[in-house]
């Protein structure tokens, strides 16, 4: 079992939030290109949260 300090958890949350924000902005740009309505960040999270969690873990694993 891993021991996570509060600082490590906050850093992880910040990394995830920044990663999520970049992906959401990319999604907004893509939707603009196809003239589709944009999703708010809340809507984007709600619609794709399970994929986003898996993708973040997958990408983190590749980087480590």
C-alpha atoms as a PDB file:
ATOM      1  CA  UNK A   1       0.000   0.000   0.000  1.00  0.00           C
ATOM      2  CA  UNK A   2       1.332   3.398  -0.956  1.00  0.00           C
ATOM      3  CA  UNK A   3       1.569   6.241   1.516  1.00  0.00           C
ATOM      4  CA  UNK A   4       0.511   9.514  -0.116  1.00  0.00           C
ATOM      5  CA  UNK A   5       1.159  12.803   1.594  1.00  0.00           C
ATOM      6  CA  UNK A   6      -1.364  15.596   1.199  1.00  0.00           C
ATOM      7  CA  UNK A   7       1.170  17.509  -0.905  1.00  0.00           C
ATOM      8  CA  UNK A   8       1.585  14.589  -3.340  1.00  0.00           C
ATOM      9  CA  UNK A   9      -2.180  14.251  -3.668  1.00  0.00           C
ATOM     10  CA  UNK A  10      -2.535  17.991  -4.343  1.00  0.00           C
ATOM     11  CA  UNK A  11       0.215  17.850  -6.969  1.00  0.00           C
ATOM     12  CA  UNK A  12      -1.501  14.872  -8.612  1.00  0.00           C
ATOM     13  CA  UNK A  13      -4.842  16.711  -8.594  1.00  0.00           C
ATOM     14  CA  UNK A  14      -3.195  19.758 -10.132  1.00  0.00           C
ATOM     15  CA  UNK A  15      -1.497  17.625 -12.813  1.00  0.00           C
ATOM     16  CA  UNK A  16      -4.795  15.921 -13.609  1.00  0.00           C
ATOM     17  CA  UNK A  17      -6.711  19.207 -13.669  1.00  0.00           C
ATOM     18  CA  UNK A  18      -4.174  20.795 -16.015  1.00  0.00           C
ATOM     19  CA  UNK A  19      -4.202  17.716 -18.260  1.00  0.00           C
ATOM     20  CA  UNK A  20      -8.010  17.733 -18.285  1.00  0.00           C
ATOM     21  CA  UNK A  21      -8.178  21.442 -19.109  1.00  0.00           C
ATOM     22  CA  UNK A  22      -5.825  20.991 -22.089  1.00  0.00           C
ATOM     23  CA  UNK A  23      -7.869  18.073 -23.385  1.00  0.00           C
ATOM     24  CA  UNK A  24     -11.117  20.022 -22.969  1.00  0.00           C
ATOM     25  CA  UNK A  25      -9.693  23.005 -24.881  1.00  0.00           C
ATOM     26  CA  UNK A  26      -8.592  20.644 -27.636  1.00  0.00           C
ATOM     27  CA  UNK A  27     -12.106  19.191 -27.699  1.00  0.00           C
ATOM     28  CA  UNK A  28     -13.597  22.698 -27.979  1.00  0.00           C
ATOM     29  CA  UNK A  29     -11.313  23.451 -30.937  1.00  0.00           C
ATOM     30  CA  UNK A  30     -12.245  20.188 -32.618  1.00  0.00           C
ATOM     31  CA  UNK A  31     -15.959  20.883 -32.132  1.00  0.00           C
ATOM     32  CA  UNK A  32     -15.463  24.357 -33.654  1.00  0.00           C
ATOM     33  CA  UNK A  33     -13.851  22.801 -36.709  1.00  0.00           C
ATOM     34  CA  UNK A  34     -16.880  20.562 -37.229  1.00  0.00           C
ATOM     35  CA  UNK A  35     -19.357  23.301 -36.276  1.00  0.00           C
ATOM     36  CA  UNK A  36     -20.642  21.273 -33.329  1.00  0.00           C
ATOM     37  CA  UNK A  37     -21.838  22.876 -30.109  1.00  0.00           C
ATOM     38  CA  UNK A  38     -19.150  23.147 -27.456  1.00  0.00           C
ATOM     39  CA  UNK A  39     -19.477  21.405 -24.124  1.00  0.00           C
ATOM     40  CA  UNK A  40     -18.774  23.209 -20.893  1.00  0.00           C
ATOM     41  CA  UNK A  41     -15.950  21.664 -18.903  1.00  0.00           C
ATOM     42  CA  UNK A  42     -18.566  20.243 -16.536  1.00  0.00           C
ATOM     43  CA  UNK A  43     -20.500  18.650 -19.411  1.00  0.00           C
ATOM     44  CA  UNK A  44     -17.276  17.315 -20.934  1.00  0.00           C
ATOM     45  CA  UNK A  45     -16.275  15.731 -17.623  1.00  0.00           C
ATOM     46  CA  UNK A  46     -19.727  14.246 -17.119  1.00  0.00           C
ATOM     47  CA  UNK A  47     -19.856  12.745 -20.585  1.00  0.00           C
ATOM     48  CA  UNK A  48     -16.294  11.342 -20.731  1.00  0.00           C
ATOM     49  CA  UNK A  49     -15.198  10.906 -17.103  1.00  0.00           C
ATOM     50  CA  UNK A  50     -14.578   7.158 -17.264  1.00  0.00           C
ATOM     51  CA  UNK A  51     -12.547   7.432 -20.462  1.00  0.00           C
ATOM     52  CA  UNK A  52     -10.657  10.456 -19.109  1.00  0.00           C
ATOM     53  CA  UNK A  53      -9.666   8.598 -15.944  1.00  0.00           C
ATOM     54  CA  UNK A  54      -8.458   5.558 -17.906  1.00  0.00           C
ATOM     55  CA  UNK A  55      -6.604   7.690 -20.446  1.00  0.00           C
ATOM     56  CA  UNK A  56      -4.864   9.748 -17.753  1.00  0.00           C
ATOM     57  CA  UNK A  57      -3.696   6.608 -15.951  1.00  0.00           C
ATOM     58  CA  UNK A  58      -2.550   5.085 -19.249  1.00  0.00           C
ATOM     59  CA  UNK A  59      -0.587   8.194 -20.246  1.00  0.00           C
ATOM     60  CA  UNK A  60       0.986   8.512 -16.799  1.00  0.00           C
ATOM     61  CA  UNK A  61       2.100   4.895 -17.002  1.00  0.00           C
ATOM     62  CA  UNK A  62       3.804   5.524 -20.329  1.00  0.00           C
ATOM     63  CA  UNK A  63       5.631   8.570 -18.945  1.00  0.00           C
ATOM     64  CA  UNK A  64       6.995   6.819 -15.846  1.00  0.00           C
END
